[in-house]
C-alpha cells in the first residue's frame, strides 16, 4: 500500500489481537503515538482509498470498517486511467500487475 504521510492507520492490536500482549513500555509508547495522531489526523471518512487487482474482501472490509472511502476494482488500470484516478486519492493499494512510475 502507498499511504499519504501522517495518516495513522488502525492500531495493530485491533487488527491482530496478539499485539495486545506487547511489552508494557512498547504498549505505552504506541498508545502515546496513537493519541497524538488521533488529535491531528485527517478525518478517516475523507480519506479516499483505491484498491486494484482484486484485493481481498477482508482487506476491503477492514478499511471500510475503519471509515475510509474505499473503491475496489478487480482489474488493473491503464497508465492513463491510473493517472486520472490518483489525482484526488490518498491511498493506493496495488498488487504485482500495476506499475507506479511517477
PDB file of N, CA and C in Angstrom:
ATOM      1  N   UNK A   1       0.830  -1.193   0.000  1.00  0.00           N
ATOM      2  CA  UNK A   1       0.000   0.000   0.000  1.00  0.00           C
ATOM      3  C   UNK A   1       0.863   1.240   0.000  1.00  0.00           C
ATOM      4  N   UNK A   2       0.485   2.216  -0.769  1.00  0.00           N
ATOM      5  CA  UNK A   2       1.103   3.517  -0.698  1.00  0.00           C
ATOM      6  C   UNK A   2       0.180   4.372   0.145  1.00  0.00           C
ATOM      7  N   UNK A   3       0.725   5.090   1.099  1.00  0.00           N
ATOM      8  CA  UNK A   3      -0.106   5.866   2.016  1.00  0.00           C
ATOM      9  C   UNK A   3       0.426   7.284   2.098  1.00  0.00           C
ATOM     10  N   UNK A   4      -0.471   8.245   2.075  1.00  0.00           N
ATOM     11  CA  UNK A   4      -0.049   9.630   2.247  1.00  0.00           C
ATOM     12  C   UNK A   4       0.586   9.782   3.621  1.00  0.00           C
ATOM     13  N   UNK A   5       1.612  10.624   3.752  1.00  0.00           N
ATOM     14  CA  UNK A   5       2.290  10.773   5.035  1.00  0.00           C
ATOM     15  C   UNK A   5       1.363  11.330   6.110  1.00  0.00           C
ATOM     16  N   UNK A   6       1.655  10.967   7.342  1.00  0.00           N
ATOM     17  CA  UNK A   6       0.958  11.461   8.533  1.00  0.00           C
ATOM     18  C   UNK A   6      -0.495  11.026   8.627  1.00  0.00           C
ATOM     19  N   UNK A   7      -0.860   9.931   7.965  1.00  0.00           N
ATOM     20  CA  UNK A   7      -2.209   9.395   8.114  1.00  0.00           C
ATOM     21  C   UNK A   7      -2.085   8.115   8.931  1.00  0.00           C
ATOM     22  N   UNK A   8      -2.502   8.158  10.196  1.00  0.00           N
ATOM     23  CA  UNK A   8      -2.363   6.958  11.024  1.00  0.00           C
ATOM     24  C   UNK A   8      -3.350   5.886  10.601  1.00  0.00           C
ATOM     25  N   UNK A   9      -2.944   4.664  10.720  1.00  0.00           N
ATOM     26  CA  UNK A   9      -3.811   3.544  10.414  1.00  0.00           C
ATOM     27  C   UNK A   9      -4.325   2.945  11.705  1.00  0.00           C
ATOM     28  N   UNK A  10      -5.161   1.950  11.606  1.00  0.00           N
ATOM     29  CA  UNK A  10      -5.744   1.290  12.763  1.00  0.00           C
ATOM     30  C   UNK A  10      -4.663   0.694  13.646  1.00  0.00           C
ATOM     31  N   UNK A  11      -4.783   0.838  14.966  1.00  0.00           N
ATOM     32  CA  UNK A  11      -3.817   0.198  15.857  1.00  0.00           C
ATOM     33  C   UNK A  11      -3.735  -1.295  15.577  1.00  0.00           C
ATOM     34  N   UNK A  12      -2.521  -1.816  15.570  1.00  0.00           N
ATOM     35  CA  UNK A  12      -2.323  -3.243  15.297  1.00  0.00           C
ATOM     36  C   UNK A  12      -3.090  -4.126  16.269  1.00  0.00           C
ATOM     37  N   UNK A  13      -3.222  -3.687  17.513  1.00  0.00           N
ATOM     38  CA  UNK A  13      -3.905  -4.519  18.495  1.00  0.00           C
ATOM     39  C   UNK A  13      -5.371  -4.751  18.138  1.00  0.00           C
ATOM     40  N   UNK A  14      -5.966  -3.833  17.354  1.00  0.00           N
ATOM     41  CA  UNK A  14      -7.354  -4.039  16.937  1.00  0.00           C
ATOM     42  C   UNK A  14      -7.443  -4.985  15.760  1.00  0.00           C
ATOM     43  N   UNK A  15      -6.419  -4.975  14.891  1.00  0.00           N
ATOM     44  CA  UNK A  15      -6.429  -5.855  13.732  1.00  0.00           C
ATOM     45  C   UNK A  15      -5.895  -7.244  14.071  1.00  0.00           C
ATOM     46  N   UNK A  16      -4.893  -7.287  14.946  1.00  0.00           N
ATOM     47  CA  UNK A  16      -4.239  -8.538  15.308  1.00  0.00           C
ATOM     48  C   UNK A  16      -4.167  -8.640  16.830  1.00  0.00           C
ATOM     49  N   UNK A  17      -5.054  -9.391  17.450  1.00  0.00           N
ATOM     50  CA  UNK A  17      -5.114  -9.459  18.909  1.00  0.00           C
ATOM     51  C   UNK A  17      -3.793  -9.822  19.580  1.00  0.00           C
ATOM     52  N   UNK A  18      -2.890 -10.546  18.910  1.00  0.00           N
ATOM     53  CA  UNK A  18      -1.635 -10.923  19.547  1.00  0.00           C
ATOM     54  C   UNK A  18      -0.808  -9.700  19.935  1.00  0.00           C
ATOM     55  N   UNK A  19      -1.020  -8.561  19.291  1.00  0.00           N
ATOM     56  CA  UNK A  19      -0.277  -7.361  19.629  1.00  0.00           C
ATOM     57  C   UNK A  19      -0.775  -6.726  20.922  1.00  0.00           C
ATOM     58  N   UNK A  20      -1.923  -7.143  21.422  1.00  0.00           N
ATOM     59  CA  UNK A  20      -2.425  -6.577  22.668  1.00  0.00           C
ATOM     60  C   UNK A  20      -1.602  -7.043  23.863  1.00  0.00           C
ATOM     61  N   UNK A  21      -0.760  -8.047  23.674  1.00  0.00           N
ATOM     62  CA  UNK A  21       0.066  -8.574  24.753  1.00  0.00           C
ATOM     63  C   UNK A  21       1.512  -8.100  24.633  1.00  0.00           C
ATOM     64  N   UNK A  22       1.749  -6.959  24.009  1.00  0.00           N
ATOM     65  CA  UNK A  22       3.118  -6.483  23.838  1.00  0.00           C
ATOM     66  C   UNK A  22       3.678  -5.956  25.153  1.00  0.00           C
ATOM     67  N   UNK A  23       4.976  -5.793  25.174  1.00  0.00           N
ATOM     68  CA  UNK A  23       5.661  -5.304  26.371  1.00  0.00           C
ATOM     69  C   UNK A  23       5.031  -3.990  26.834  1.00  0.00           C
ATOM     70  N   UNK A  24       4.860  -3.797  28.148  1.00  0.00           N
ATOM     71  CA  UNK A  24       4.173  -2.598  28.657  1.00  0.00           C
ATOM     72  C   UNK A  24       4.766  -1.279  28.167  1.00  0.00           C
ATOM     73  N   UNK A  25       6.107  -1.177  28.113  1.00  0.00           N
ATOM     74  CA  UNK A  25       6.702   0.093  27.685  1.00  0.00           C
ATOM     75  C   UNK A  25       6.448   0.350  26.205  1.00  0.00           C
ATOM     76  N   UNK A  26       6.432  -0.715  25.390  1.00  0.00           N
ATOM     77  CA  UNK A  26       6.128  -0.572  23.976  1.00  0.00           C
ATOM     78  C   UNK A  26       4.654  -0.211  23.794  1.00  0.00           C
ATOM     79  N   UNK A  27       3.804  -0.846  24.575  1.00  0.00           N
ATOM     80  CA  UNK A  27       2.378  -0.562  24.508  1.00  0.00           C
ATOM     81  C   UNK A  27       2.102   0.900  24.895  1.00  0.00           C
ATOM     82  N   UNK A  28       2.759   1.390  25.957  1.00  0.00           N
ATOM     83  CA  UNK A  28       2.580   2.768  26.400  1.00  0.00           C
ATOM     84  C   UNK A  28       3.032   3.736  25.313  1.00  0.00           C
ATOM     85  N   UNK A  29       4.189   3.455  24.703  1.00  0.00           N
ATOM     86  CA  UNK A  29       4.692   4.320  23.633  1.00  0.00           C
ATOM     87  C   UNK A  29       3.730   4.331  22.453  1.00  0.00           C
ATOM     88  N   UNK A  30       3.236   3.153  22.083  1.00  0.00           N
ATOM     89  CA  UNK A  30       2.283   3.047  20.974  1.00  0.00           C
ATOM     90  C   UNK A  30       1.015   3.850  21.274  1.00  0.00           C
ATOM     91  N   UNK A  31       0.505   3.733  22.503  1.00  0.00           N
ATOM     92  CA  UNK A  31      -0.708   4.464  22.882  1.00  0.00           C
ATOM     93  C   UNK A  31      -0.488   5.971  22.835  1.00  0.00           C
ATOM     94  N   UNK A  32       0.703   6.437  23.253  1.00  0.00           N
ATOM     95  CA  UNK A  32       1.015   7.860  23.191  1.00  0.00           C
ATOM     96  C   UNK A  32       1.040   8.341  21.744  1.00  0.00           C
ATOM     97  N   UNK A  33       1.660   7.560  20.862  1.00  0.00           N
ATOM     98  CA  UNK A  33       1.714   7.923  19.440  1.00  0.00           C
ATOM     99  C   UNK A  33       0.314   7.971  18.836  1.00  0.00           C
ATOM    100  N   UNK A  34      -0.520   6.993  19.192  1.00  0.00           N
ATOM    101  CA  UNK A  34      -1.885   6.959  18.667  1.00  0.00           C
ATOM    102  C   UNK A  34      -2.694   8.153  19.151  1.00  0.00           C
ATOM    103  N   UNK A  35      -2.481   8.580  20.405  1.00  0.00           N
ATOM    104  CA  UNK A  35      -3.202   9.732  20.948  1.00  0.00           C
ATOM    105  C   UNK A  35      -2.812  11.003  20.193  1.00  0.00           C
ATOM    106  N   UNK A  36      -1.524  11.168  19.907  1.00  0.00           N
ATOM    107  CA  UNK A  36      -1.062  12.332  19.149  1.00  0.00           C
ATOM    108  C   UNK A  36      -1.644  12.300  17.747  1.00  0.00           C
ATOM    109  N   UNK A  37      -1.586  11.136  17.101  1.00  0.00           N
ATOM    110  CA  UNK A  37      -2.115  11.014  15.741  1.00  0.00           C
ATOM    111  C   UNK A  37      -3.614  11.261  15.696  1.00  0.00           C
ATOM    112  N   UNK A  38      -4.344  10.760  16.685  1.00  0.00           N
ATOM    113  CA  UNK A  38      -5.800  10.938  16.705  1.00  0.00           C
ATOM    114  C   UNK A  38      -6.156  12.413  16.802  1.00  0.00           C
ATOM    115  N   UNK A  39      -5.359  13.181  17.535  1.00  0.00           N
ATOM    116  CA  UNK A  39      -5.647  14.597  17.709  1.00  0.00           C
ATOM    117  C   UNK A  39      -5.340  15.413  16.452  1.00  0.00           C
ATOM    118  N   UNK A  40      -4.470  14.907  15.581  1.00  0.00           N
ATOM    119  CA  UNK A  40      -4.053  15.684  14.415  1.00  0.00           C
ATOM    120  C   UNK A  40      -4.395  15.011  13.087  1.00  0.00           C
ATOM    121  N   UNK A  41      -5.047  13.884  13.132  1.00  0.00           N
ATOM    122  CA  UNK A  41      -5.297  13.106  11.924  1.00  0.00           C
ATOM    123  C   UNK A  41      -6.339  13.758  11.017  1.00  0.00           C
ATOM    124  N   UNK A  42      -6.117  13.576   9.718  1.00  0.00           N
ATOM    125  CA  UNK A  42      -7.123  13.924   8.724  1.00  0.00           C
ATOM    126  C   UNK A  42      -8.295  12.979   8.959  1.00  0.00           C
ATOM    127  N   UNK A  43      -9.543  13.439   8.943  1.00  0.00           N
ATOM    128  CA  UNK A  43     -10.678  12.554   9.220  1.00  0.00           C
ATOM    129  C   UNK A  43     -10.709  11.344   8.273  1.00  0.00           C
ATOM    130  N   UNK A  44     -10.825  10.160   8.843  1.00  0.00           N
ATOM    131  CA  UNK A  44     -10.797   8.933   8.045  1.00  0.00           C
ATOM    132  C   UNK A  44     -11.900   8.908   6.996  1.00  0.00           C
ATOM    133  N   UNK A  45     -13.055   9.470   7.315  1.00  0.00           N
ATOM    134  CA  UNK A  45     -14.164   9.420   6.353  1.00  0.00           C
ATOM    135  C   UNK A  45     -13.924  10.309   5.134  1.00  0.00           C
ATOM    136  N   UNK A  46     -12.843  11.078   5.153  1.00  0.00           N
ATOM    137  CA  UNK A  46     -12.488  11.898   3.993  1.00  0.00           C
ATOM    138  C   UNK A  46     -11.296  11.320   3.234  1.00  0.00           C
ATOM    139  N   UNK A  47     -10.730  10.234   3.738  1.00  0.00           N
ATOM    140  CA  UNK A  47      -9.574   9.603   3.107  1.00  0.00           C
ATOM    141  C   UNK A  47     -10.055   8.639   2.027  1.00  0.00           C
ATOM    142  N   UNK A  48      -9.599   8.876   0.805  1.00  0.00           N
ATOM    143  CA  UNK A  48     -10.014   8.063  -0.339  1.00  0.00           C
ATOM    144  C   UNK A  48      -8.974   6.994  -0.623  1.00  0.00           C
ATOM    145  N   UNK A  49      -9.450   5.756  -0.726  1.00  0.00           N
ATOM    146  CA  UNK A  49      -8.591   4.592  -0.957  1.00  0.00           C
ATOM    147  C   UNK A  49      -9.013   3.928  -2.259  1.00  0.00           C
ATOM    148  N   UNK A  50      -8.052   3.607  -3.097  1.00  0.00           N
ATOM    149  CA  UNK A  50      -8.308   2.850  -4.323  1.00  0.00           C
ATOM    150  C   UNK A  50      -7.516   1.557  -4.241  1.00  0.00           C
ATOM    151  N   UNK A  51      -8.204   0.430  -4.346  1.00  0.00           N
ATOM    152  CA  UNK A  51      -7.577  -0.888  -4.324  1.00  0.00           C
ATOM    153  C   UNK A  51      -7.772  -1.531  -5.681  1.00  0.00           C
ATOM    154  N   UNK A  52      -6.680  -1.987  -6.278  1.00  0.00           N
ATOM    155  CA  UNK A  52      -6.739  -2.569  -7.617  1.00  0.00           C
ATOM    156  C   UNK A  52      -6.381  -4.045  -7.601  1.00  0.00           C
ATOM    157  N   UNK A  53      -6.770  -4.731  -8.654  1.00  0.00           N
ATOM    158  CA  UNK A  53      -6.372  -6.110  -8.915  1.00  0.00           C
ATOM    159  C   UNK A  53      -6.925  -7.123  -7.913  1.00  0.00           C
ATOM    160  N   UNK A  54      -8.153  -6.912  -7.495  1.00  0.00           N
ATOM    161  CA  UNK A  54      -8.820  -7.912  -6.672  1.00  0.00           C
ATOM    162  C   UNK A  54      -8.254  -8.094  -5.278  1.00  0.00           C
ATOM    163  N   UNK A  55      -7.978  -6.994  -4.583  1.00  0.00           N
ATOM    164  CA  UNK A  55      -7.548  -7.083  -3.189  1.00  0.00           C
ATOM    165  C   UNK A  55      -8.634  -7.828  -2.416  1.00  0.00           C
ATOM    166  N   UNK A  56      -8.236  -8.599  -1.430  1.00  0.00           N
ATOM    167  CA  UNK A  56      -9.167  -9.478  -0.716  1.00  0.00           C
ATOM    168  C   UNK A  56     -10.351  -8.732  -0.110  1.00  0.00           C
ATOM    169  N   UNK A  57     -11.468  -9.418  -0.056  1.00  0.00           N
ATOM    170  CA  UNK A  57     -12.683  -8.848   0.534  1.00  0.00           C
ATOM    171  C   UNK A  57     -12.451  -8.477   1.993  1.00  0.00           C
ATOM    172  N   UNK A  58     -11.642  -9.265   2.694  1.00  0.00           N
ATOM    173  CA  UNK A  58     -11.358  -8.971   4.103  1.00  0.00           C
ATOM    174  C   UNK A  58     -10.617  -7.641   4.230  1.00  0.00           C
ATOM    175  N   UNK A  59      -9.641  -7.406   3.361  1.00  0.00           N
ATOM    176  CA  UNK A  59      -8.917  -6.140   3.383  1.00  0.00           C
ATOM    177  C   UNK A  59      -9.832  -4.963   3.107  1.00  0.00           C
ATOM    178  N   UNK A  60     -10.719  -5.132   2.149  1.00  0.00           N
ATOM    179  CA  UNK A  60     -11.688  -4.078   1.815  1.00  0.00           C
ATOM    180  C   UNK A  60     -12.591  -3.814   3.020  1.00  0.00           C
ATOM    181  N   UNK A  61     -13.074  -4.884   3.639  1.00  0.00           N
ATOM    182  CA  UNK A  61     -13.938  -4.757   4.820  1.00  0.00           C
ATOM    183  C   UNK A  61     -13.241  -4.021   5.950  1.00  0.00           C
ATOM    184  N   UNK A  62     -11.980  -4.365   6.205  1.00  0.00           N
ATOM    185  CA  UNK A  62     -11.235  -3.713   7.287  1.00  0.00           C
ATOM    186  C   UNK A  62     -11.134  -2.208   7.052  1.00  0.00           C
ATOM    187  N   UNK A  63     -10.804  -1.822   5.845  1.00  0.00           N
ATOM    188  CA  UNK A  63     -10.677  -0.393   5.547  1.00  0.00           C
ATOM    189  C   UNK A  63     -12.021   0.325   5.630  1.00  0.00           C
ATOM    190  N   UNK A  64     -13.056  -0.272   5.065  1.00  0.00           N
ATOM    191  CA  UNK A  64     -14.388   0.334   5.140  1.00  0.00           C
ATOM    192  C   UNK A  64     -14.864   0.409   6.593  1.00  0.00           C
ATOM    193  N   UNK A  65     -14.570  -0.639   7.356  1.00  0.00           N
ATOM    194  CA  UNK A  65     -14.961  -0.672   8.765  1.00  0.00           C
ATOM    195  C   UNK A  65     -14.296   0.426   9.583  1.00  0.00           C
ATOM    196  N   UNK A  66     -13.138   0.873   9.142  1.00  0.00           N
ATOM    197  CA  UNK A  66     -12.434   1.969   9.807  1.00  0.00           C
ATOM    198  C   UNK A  66     -12.955   3.331   9.364  1.00  0.00           C
ATOM    199  N   UNK A  67     -13.828   3.339   8.354  1.00  0.00           N
ATOM    200  CA  UNK A  67     -14.432   4.590   7.922  1.00  0.00           C
ATOM    201  C   UNK A  67     -13.834   5.213   6.671  1.00  0.00           C
ATOM    202  N   UNK A  68     -12.872   4.539   6.042  1.00  0.00           N
ATOM    203  CA  UNK A  68     -12.275   5.065   4.824  1.00  0.00           C
ATOM    204  C   UNK A  68     -13.257   4.962   3.658  1.00  0.00           C
ATOM    205  N   UNK A  69     -13.126   5.867   2.683  1.00  0.00           N
ATOM    206  CA  UNK A  69     -13.875   5.783   1.430  1.00  0.00           C
ATOM    207  C   UNK A  69     -13.097   4.834   0.516  1.00  0.00           C
ATOM    208  N   UNK A  70     -13.649   3.664   0.258  1.00  0.00           N
ATOM    209  CA  UNK A  70     -12.914   2.638  -0.483  1.00  0.00           C
ATOM    210  C   UNK A  70     -13.573   2.356  -1.826  1.00  0.00           C
ATOM    211  N   UNK A  71     -12.749   2.391  -2.876  1.00  0.00           N
ATOM    212  CA  UNK A  71     -13.166   1.926  -4.200  1.00  0.00           C
ATOM    213  C   UNK A  71     -12.257   0.755  -4.529  1.00  0.00           C
ATOM    214  N   UNK A  72     -12.853  -0.387  -4.838  1.00  0.00           N
ATOM    215  CA  UNK A  72     -12.067  -1.584  -5.139  1.00  0.00           C
ATOM    216  C   UNK A  72     -12.416  -2.082  -6.533  1.00  0.00           C
ATOM    217  N   UNK A  73     -11.386  -2.329  -7.330  1.00  0.00           N
ATOM    218  CA  UNK A  73     -11.573  -2.843  -8.678  1.00  0.00           C
ATOM    219  C   UNK A  73     -10.880  -4.197  -8.798  1.00  0.00           C
ATOM    220  N   UNK A  74     -11.462  -5.081  -9.571  1.00  0.00           N
ATOM    221  CA  UNK A  74     -10.901  -6.421  -9.733  1.00  0.00           C
ATOM    222  C   UNK A  74      -9.721  -6.455 -10.705  1.00  0.00           C
ATOM    223  N   UNK A  75      -9.562  -5.422 -11.497  1.00  0.00           N
ATOM    224  CA  UNK A  75      -8.513  -5.411 -12.517  1.00  0.00           C
ATOM    225  C   UNK A  75      -7.545  -4.259 -12.291  1.00  0.00           C
ATOM    226  N   UNK A  76      -6.457  -4.281 -13.052  1.00  0.00           N
ATOM    227  CA  UNK A  76      -5.518  -3.161 -13.072  1.00  0.00           C
ATOM    228  C   UNK A  76      -6.087  -2.081 -13.989  1.00  0.00           C
ATOM    229  N   UNK A  77      -5.515  -0.898 -13.924  1.00  0.00           N
ATOM    230  CA  UNK A  77      -5.916   0.193 -14.804  1.00  0.00           C
ATOM    231  C   UNK A  77      -4.778   0.486 -15.788  1.00  0.00           C
ATOM    232  N   UNK A  78      -5.137   1.093 -16.904  1.00  0.00           N
ATOM    233  CA  UNK A  78      -4.091   1.556 -17.824  1.00  0.00           C
ATOM    234  C   UNK A  78      -3.374   2.721 -17.135  1.00  0.00           C
ATOM    235  N   UNK A  79      -2.219   3.085 -17.663  1.00  0.00           N
ATOM    236  CA  UNK A  79      -1.471   4.198 -17.068  1.00  0.00           C
ATOM    237  C   UNK A  79      -2.295   5.479 -17.064  1.00  0.00           C
ATOM    238  N   UNK A  80      -2.973   5.773 -18.162  1.00  0.00           N
ATOM    239  CA  UNK A  80      -3.787   6.989 -18.238  1.00  0.00           C
ATOM    240  C   UNK A  80      -4.945   6.957 -17.239  1.00  0.00           C
ATOM    241  N   UNK A  81      -5.594   5.805 -17.118  1.00  0.00           N
ATOM    242  CA  UNK A  81      -6.689   5.674 -16.151  1.00  0.00           C
ATOM    243  C   UNK A  81      -6.178   5.861 -14.724  1.00  0.00           C
ATOM    244  N   UNK A  82      -5.024   5.270 -14.442  1.00  0.00           N
ATOM    245  CA  UNK A  82      -4.446   5.380 -13.103  1.00  0.00           C
ATOM    246  C   UNK A  82      -4.065   6.823 -12.779  1.00  0.00           C
ATOM    247  N   UNK A  83      -3.453   7.507 -13.722  1.00  0.00           N
ATOM    248  CA  UNK A  83      -3.073   8.906 -13.518  1.00  0.00           C
ATOM    249  C   UNK A  83      -4.312   9.736 -13.180  1.00  0.00           C
ATOM    250  N   UNK A  84      -5.401   9.487 -13.881  1.00  0.00           N
ATOM    251  CA  UNK A  84      -6.639  10.228 -13.621  1.00  0.00           C
ATOM    252  C   UNK A  84      -7.210   9.892 -12.240  1.00  0.00           C
ATOM    253  N   UNK A  85      -7.201   8.612 -11.872  1.00  0.00           N
ATOM    254  CA  UNK A  85      -7.786   8.162 -10.593  1.00  0.00           C
ATOM    255  C   UNK A  85      -7.027   8.682  -9.374  1.00  0.00           C
ATOM    256  N   UNK A  86      -5.705   8.809  -9.468  1.00  0.00           N
ATOM    257  CA  UNK A  86      -4.924   9.168  -8.282  1.00  0.00           C
ATOM    258  C   UNK A  86      -4.889  10.673  -8.003  1.00  0.00           C
ATOM    259  N   UNK A  87      -5.503  11.463  -8.844  1.00  0.00           N
ATOM    260  CA  UNK A  87      -5.456  12.922  -8.664  1.00  0.00           C
ATOM    261  C   UNK A  87      -5.993  13.367  -7.309  1.00  0.00           C
ATOM    262  N   UNK A  88      -7.055  12.769  -6.835  1.00  0.00           N
ATOM    263  CA  UNK A  88      -7.607  13.170  -5.532  1.00  0.00           C
ATOM    264  C   UNK A  88      -7.619  11.984  -4.549  1.00  0.00           C
ATOM    265  N   UNK A  89      -6.646  11.134  -4.681  1.00  0.00           N
ATOM    266  CA  UNK A  89      -6.550   9.906  -3.889  1.00  0.00           C
ATOM    267  C   UNK A  89      -5.549  10.075  -2.763  1.00  0.00           C
ATOM    268  N   UNK A  90      -5.784   9.375  -1.649  1.00  0.00           N
ATOM    269  CA  UNK A  90      -4.856   9.409  -0.521  1.00  0.00           C
ATOM    270  C   UNK A  90      -4.059   8.112  -0.393  1.00  0.00           C
ATOM    271  N   UNK A  91      -4.718   6.980  -0.672  1.00  0.00           N
ATOM    272  CA  UNK A  91      -4.062   5.676  -0.528  1.00  0.00           C
ATOM    273  C   UNK A  91      -4.337   4.843  -1.777  1.00  0.00           C
ATOM    274  N   UNK A  92      -3.265   4.237  -2.303  1.00  0.00           N
ATOM    275  CA  UNK A  92      -3.383   3.355  -3.457  1.00  0.00           C
ATOM    276  C   UNK A  92      -2.886   1.978  -3.060  1.00  0.00           C
ATOM    277  N   UNK A  93      -3.738   0.981  -3.198  1.00  0.00           N
ATOM    278  CA  UNK A  93      -3.361  -0.404  -2.907  1.00  0.00           C
ATOM    279  C   UNK A  93      -3.300  -1.186  -4.206  1.00  0.00           C
ATOM    280  N   UNK A  94      -2.124  -1.753  -4.502  1.00  0.00           N
ATOM    281  CA  UNK A  94      -1.938  -2.474  -5.761  1.00  0.00           C
ATOM    282  C   UNK A  94      -1.327  -3.836  -5.501  1.00  0.00           C
ATOM    283  N   UNK A  95      -1.351  -4.656  -6.518  1.00  0.00           N
ATOM    284  CA  UNK A  95      -0.652  -5.931  -6.497  1.00  0.00           C
ATOM    285  C   UNK A  95       0.412  -5.878  -7.586  1.00  0.00           C
ATOM    286  N   UNK A  96       0.879  -6.991  -8.044  1.00  0.00           N
ATOM    287  CA  UNK A  96       2.059  -7.013  -8.906  1.00  0.00           C
ATOM    288  C   UNK A  96       1.845  -6.506 -10.330  1.00  0.00           C
ATOM    289  N   UNK A  97       0.641  -6.546 -10.837  1.00  0.00           N
ATOM    290  CA  UNK A  97       0.423  -6.151 -12.229  1.00  0.00           C
ATOM    291  C   UNK A  97       0.548  -4.647 -12.452  1.00  0.00           C
ATOM    292  N   UNK A  98       0.117  -3.849 -11.485  1.00  0.00           N
ATOM    293  CA  UNK A  98       0.164  -2.390 -11.618  1.00  0.00           C
ATOM    294  C   UNK A  98       1.564  -1.890 -11.323  1.00  0.00           C
ATOM    295  N   UNK A  99       2.074  -1.051 -12.203  1.00  0.00           N
ATOM    296  CA  UNK A  99       3.382  -0.441 -12.027  1.00  0.00           C
ATOM    297  C   UNK A  99       3.199   1.058 -11.825  1.00  0.00           C
ATOM    298  N   UNK A 100       3.694   1.580 -10.731  1.00  0.00           N
ATOM    299  CA  UNK A 100       3.623   3.011 -10.452  1.00  0.00           C
ATOM    300  C   UNK A 100       4.958   3.613 -10.878  1.00  0.00           C
ATOM    301  N   UNK A 101       4.907   4.508 -11.856  1.00  0.00           N
ATOM    302  CA  UNK A 101       6.131   5.046 -12.415  1.00  0.00           C
ATOM    303  C   UNK A 101       6.361   6.513 -12.066  1.00  0.00           C
ATOM    304  N   UNK A 102       5.343   7.198 -11.586  1.00  0.00           N
ATOM    305  CA  UNK A 102       5.508   8.609 -11.200  1.00  0.00           C
ATOM    306  C   UNK A 102       4.545   8.990 -10.132  1.00  0.00           C
TER     307      UNK A 102
END
